[in-house]
Amino acid sequence: MAEAAGDMLSLPTSCGQAEARHMGRAEAGQNRWCIMYPWSTETFYGTAEQVVAHMTKRVAEQEAAGAKRPPLGKGNREWRA
């Protein structure tokens, strides 16, 4: 479950923390958030509840995709100079 601390939300993932920081209001009245995952960053417009749902969905997608890939360095030779 995501934890809220003021204008920051945090969600644990298998490869680190995902954090969303409140960036202010957009023209349409929605809140703007910067979401930082261990693998990427994105901007999201919506309420805190919508941000948590979006982050949870993205984390599940990433972890499902990661489960299908072999771990780095396993079965692949690393390039060395």
N, C-alpha and C. Protein backbone atom coordinates (compact mmCIF):
# COMPACT_ATOMS: atom_id res chain seq x y z
N MET A 1 0.85 -1.19 0.00
CA MET A 1 0.00 0.00 0.00
C MET A 1 0.88 1.24 0.00
N ALA A 2 0.50 2.22 -0.73
CA ALA A 2 1.27 3.46 -0.79
C ALA A 2 1.09 4.26 0.48
N GLU A 3 2.17 4.91 0.89
CA GLU A 3 2.10 5.76 2.07
C GLU A 3 2.17 7.21 1.63
N ALA A 4 1.38 8.06 2.25
CA ALA A 4 1.37 9.48 1.90
C ALA A 4 2.11 10.26 2.97
N ALA A 5 2.94 11.20 2.55
CA ALA A 5 3.63 12.10 3.47
C ALA A 5 3.55 13.49 2.87
N GLY A 6 2.48 14.21 3.19
CA GLY A 6 2.29 15.54 2.61
C GLY A 6 2.02 15.46 1.13
N ASP A 7 2.93 15.97 0.33
CA ASP A 7 2.76 15.97 -1.12
C ASP A 7 3.62 14.91 -1.79
N MET A 8 3.93 13.84 -1.08
CA MET A 8 4.71 12.75 -1.64
C MET A 8 4.06 11.42 -1.31
N LEU A 9 3.96 10.56 -2.31
CA LEU A 9 3.44 9.21 -2.12
C LEU A 9 4.58 8.23 -2.39
N SER A 10 4.59 7.13 -1.67
CA SER A 10 5.66 6.15 -1.82
C SER A 10 5.06 4.76 -1.90
N LEU A 11 5.62 3.94 -2.81
CA LEU A 11 5.13 2.58 -3.01
C LEU A 11 6.34 1.66 -3.17
N PRO A 12 6.48 0.64 -2.31
CA PRO A 12 7.61 -0.27 -2.46
C PRO A 12 7.45 -1.17 -3.68
N THR A 13 8.55 -1.45 -4.37
CA THR A 13 8.56 -2.37 -5.50
C THR A 13 9.64 -3.41 -5.23
N SER A 14 9.73 -4.41 -6.07
CA SER A 14 10.73 -5.45 -5.88
C SER A 14 12.15 -4.94 -6.17
N CYS A 15 12.28 -3.82 -6.88
CA CYS A 15 13.61 -3.31 -7.21
C CYS A 15 13.85 -1.89 -6.67
N GLY A 16 13.10 -1.48 -5.65
CA GLY A 16 13.30 -0.17 -5.05
C GLY A 16 11.97 0.52 -4.77
N GLN A 17 12.05 1.79 -4.43
CA GLN A 17 10.86 2.58 -4.12
C GLN A 17 10.37 3.33 -5.35
N ALA A 18 9.07 3.39 -5.52
CA ALA A 18 8.45 4.28 -6.50
C ALA A 18 7.90 5.46 -5.70
N GLU A 19 8.17 6.67 -6.15
CA GLU A 19 7.73 7.86 -5.44
C GLU A 19 6.99 8.81 -6.38
N ALA A 20 5.95 9.41 -5.87
CA ALA A 20 5.21 10.42 -6.62
C ALA A 20 5.25 11.72 -5.82
N ARG A 21 5.66 12.80 -6.48
CA ARG A 21 5.73 14.11 -5.83
C ARG A 21 4.71 15.04 -6.48
N HIS A 22 3.99 15.73 -5.63
CA HIS A 22 2.98 16.68 -6.09
C HIS A 22 3.68 17.88 -6.70
N MET A 23 3.27 18.27 -7.92
CA MET A 23 3.90 19.38 -8.62
C MET A 23 2.98 20.59 -8.76
N GLY A 24 1.77 20.53 -8.26
CA GLY A 24 0.86 21.66 -8.36
C GLY A 24 -0.37 21.34 -9.19
N ARG A 25 -1.18 22.36 -9.42
CA ARG A 25 -2.42 22.19 -10.17
C ARG A 25 -2.22 22.49 -11.64
N ALA A 26 -2.90 21.73 -12.47
CA ALA A 26 -2.90 21.98 -13.92
C ALA A 26 -4.05 22.92 -14.25
N GLU A 27 -4.13 23.34 -15.49
CA GLU A 27 -5.17 24.29 -15.90
C GLU A 27 -6.57 23.73 -15.71
N ALA A 28 -6.76 22.45 -15.90
CA ALA A 28 -8.09 21.85 -15.80
C ALA A 28 -8.49 21.58 -14.35
N GLY A 29 -7.64 21.96 -13.40
CA GLY A 29 -7.97 21.76 -12.00
C GLY A 29 -7.47 20.45 -11.43
N GLN A 30 -6.88 19.61 -12.29
CA GLN A 30 -6.33 18.36 -11.78
C GLN A 30 -4.96 18.61 -11.17
N ASN A 31 -4.57 17.74 -10.26
CA ASN A 31 -3.25 17.82 -9.67
C ASN A 31 -2.23 17.18 -10.60
N ARG A 32 -1.05 17.75 -10.65
CA ARG A 32 0.03 17.22 -11.49
C ARG A 32 1.06 16.57 -10.57
N TRP A 33 1.46 15.35 -10.93
CA TRP A 33 2.40 14.58 -10.13
C TRP A 33 3.57 14.13 -11.01
N CYS A 34 4.75 14.07 -10.43
CA CYS A 34 5.92 13.48 -11.06
C CYS A 34 6.13 12.13 -10.38
N ILE A 35 6.02 11.04 -11.14
CA ILE A 35 6.18 9.70 -10.58
C ILE A 35 7.54 9.17 -11.00
N MET A 36 8.35 8.80 -10.02
CA MET A 36 9.69 8.28 -10.28
C MET A 36 9.75 6.82 -9.86
N TYR A 37 9.90 5.96 -10.85
CA TYR A 37 10.07 4.52 -10.61
C TYR A 37 11.56 4.22 -10.67
N PRO A 38 11.98 3.07 -10.16
CA PRO A 38 13.40 2.71 -10.31
C PRO A 38 13.82 2.56 -11.77
N TRP A 39 12.87 2.35 -12.68
CA TRP A 39 13.18 2.13 -14.09
C TRP A 39 12.81 3.30 -15.00
N SER A 40 12.02 4.28 -14.55
CA SER A 40 11.66 5.43 -15.40
C SER A 40 10.98 6.51 -14.58
N THR A 41 10.63 7.60 -15.26
CA THR A 41 9.92 8.72 -14.64
C THR A 41 8.80 9.13 -15.58
N GLU A 42 7.66 9.54 -15.00
CA GLU A 42 6.55 10.02 -15.83
C GLU A 42 5.76 11.09 -15.08
N THR A 43 4.98 11.85 -15.82
CA THR A 43 4.08 12.86 -15.26
C THR A 43 2.67 12.31 -15.32
N PHE A 44 1.90 12.53 -14.24
CA PHE A 44 0.54 12.02 -14.17
C PHE A 44 -0.36 13.13 -13.65
N TYR A 45 -1.56 13.23 -14.22
CA TYR A 45 -2.53 14.23 -13.79
C TYR A 45 -3.70 13.52 -13.12
N GLY A 46 -4.01 13.90 -11.89
CA GLY A 46 -5.13 13.30 -11.19
C GLY A 46 -5.03 13.50 -9.69
N THR A 47 -5.92 12.83 -8.98
CA THR A 47 -5.95 12.91 -7.53
C THR A 47 -4.93 11.95 -6.93
N ALA A 48 -4.69 12.06 -5.63
CA ALA A 48 -3.76 11.16 -4.94
C ALA A 48 -4.21 9.71 -5.08
N GLU A 49 -5.51 9.48 -4.98
CA GLU A 49 -6.04 8.12 -5.11
C GLU A 49 -5.77 7.56 -6.51
N GLN A 50 -5.94 8.41 -7.53
CA GLN A 50 -5.68 7.97 -8.90
C GLN A 50 -4.20 7.71 -9.12
N VAL A 51 -3.33 8.49 -8.49
CA VAL A 51 -1.89 8.29 -8.60
C VAL A 51 -1.51 6.93 -8.01
N VAL A 52 -2.05 6.62 -6.83
CA VAL A 52 -1.75 5.34 -6.19
C VAL A 52 -2.20 4.18 -7.08
N ALA A 53 -3.39 4.28 -7.64
CA ALA A 53 -3.90 3.22 -8.52
C ALA A 53 -3.02 3.08 -9.76
N HIS A 54 -2.60 4.21 -10.34
CA HIS A 54 -1.74 4.19 -11.53
C HIS A 54 -0.38 3.59 -11.22
N MET A 55 0.22 4.01 -10.10
CA MET A 55 1.52 3.48 -9.71
C MET A 55 1.44 1.97 -9.47
N THR A 56 0.40 1.53 -8.79
CA THR A 56 0.22 0.11 -8.50
C THR A 56 0.12 -0.69 -9.79
N LYS A 57 -0.63 -0.16 -10.75
CA LYS A 57 -0.78 -0.82 -12.05
C LYS A 57 0.56 -0.91 -12.79
N ARG A 58 1.31 0.21 -12.83
CA ARG A 58 2.60 0.23 -13.53
C ARG A 58 3.61 -0.71 -12.88
N VAL A 59 3.63 -0.75 -11.54
CA VAL A 59 4.55 -1.64 -10.83
C VAL A 59 4.21 -3.09 -11.15
N ALA A 60 2.92 -3.43 -11.14
CA ALA A 60 2.51 -4.80 -11.47
C ALA A 60 2.91 -5.17 -12.90
N GLU A 61 2.71 -4.25 -13.84
CA GLU A 61 3.10 -4.49 -15.23
C GLU A 61 4.60 -4.72 -15.35
N GLN A 62 5.39 -3.88 -14.69
CA GLN A 62 6.84 -3.98 -14.78
C GLN A 62 7.33 -5.28 -14.14
N GLU A 63 6.76 -5.64 -13.01
CA GLU A 63 7.19 -6.86 -12.34
C GLU A 63 6.77 -8.10 -13.13
N ALA A 64 5.62 -8.05 -13.79
CA ALA A 64 5.20 -9.18 -14.63
C ALA A 64 6.13 -9.30 -15.84
N ALA A 65 6.50 -8.18 -16.43
CA ALA A 65 7.41 -8.21 -17.57
C ALA A 65 8.80 -8.66 -17.13
N GLY A 66 9.23 -8.25 -15.95
CA GLY A 66 10.54 -8.65 -15.44
C GLY A 66 10.61 -10.12 -15.12
N ALA A 67 9.50 -10.72 -14.75
CA ALA A 67 9.47 -12.15 -14.44
C ALA A 67 9.68 -12.98 -15.69
N LYS A 68 9.34 -12.42 -16.85
CA LYS A 68 9.48 -13.15 -18.11
C LYS A 68 10.90 -13.07 -18.67
N ARG A 69 11.66 -12.07 -18.24
CA ARG A 69 13.02 -11.89 -18.74
C ARG A 69 14.02 -12.60 -17.83
N PRO A 70 15.10 -13.16 -18.40
CA PRO A 70 16.14 -13.73 -17.54
C PRO A 70 16.88 -12.61 -16.82
N PRO A 71 17.37 -12.85 -15.63
CA PRO A 71 18.13 -11.81 -14.91
C PRO A 71 19.36 -11.39 -15.71
N LEU A 72 19.76 -10.15 -15.58
CA LEU A 72 20.94 -9.66 -16.29
C LEU A 72 22.16 -10.44 -15.84
N GLY A 73 23.01 -10.77 -16.79
CA GLY A 73 24.22 -11.49 -16.48
C GLY A 73 24.04 -13.00 -16.44
N LYS A 74 22.82 -13.49 -16.46
CA LYS A 74 22.57 -14.92 -16.44
C LYS A 74 22.29 -15.39 -17.87
N GLY A 75 23.13 -16.22 -18.38
CA GLY A 75 22.92 -16.74 -19.73
C GLY A 75 23.39 -15.79 -20.81
N ASN A 76 23.74 -14.58 -20.46
CA ASN A 76 24.27 -13.60 -21.42
C ASN A 76 25.69 -13.28 -21.02
N ARG A 77 26.56 -13.29 -22.01
CA ARG A 77 27.94 -12.91 -21.70
C ARG A 77 28.04 -11.39 -21.65
N GLU A 78 28.73 -10.91 -20.64
CA GLU A 78 28.92 -9.48 -20.53
C GLU A 78 30.09 -9.06 -21.41
N TRP A 79 29.95 -7.92 -22.07
CA TRP A 79 30.99 -7.41 -22.93
C TRP A 79 32.08 -6.81 -22.06
N ARG A 80 33.29 -7.15 -22.34
CA ARG A 80 34.42 -6.60 -21.58
C ARG A 80 35.44 -6.01 -22.54
N ALA A 81 35.97 -4.87 -22.16
CA ALA A 81 36.97 -4.19 -23.01
C ALA A 81 38.36 -4.68 -22.68
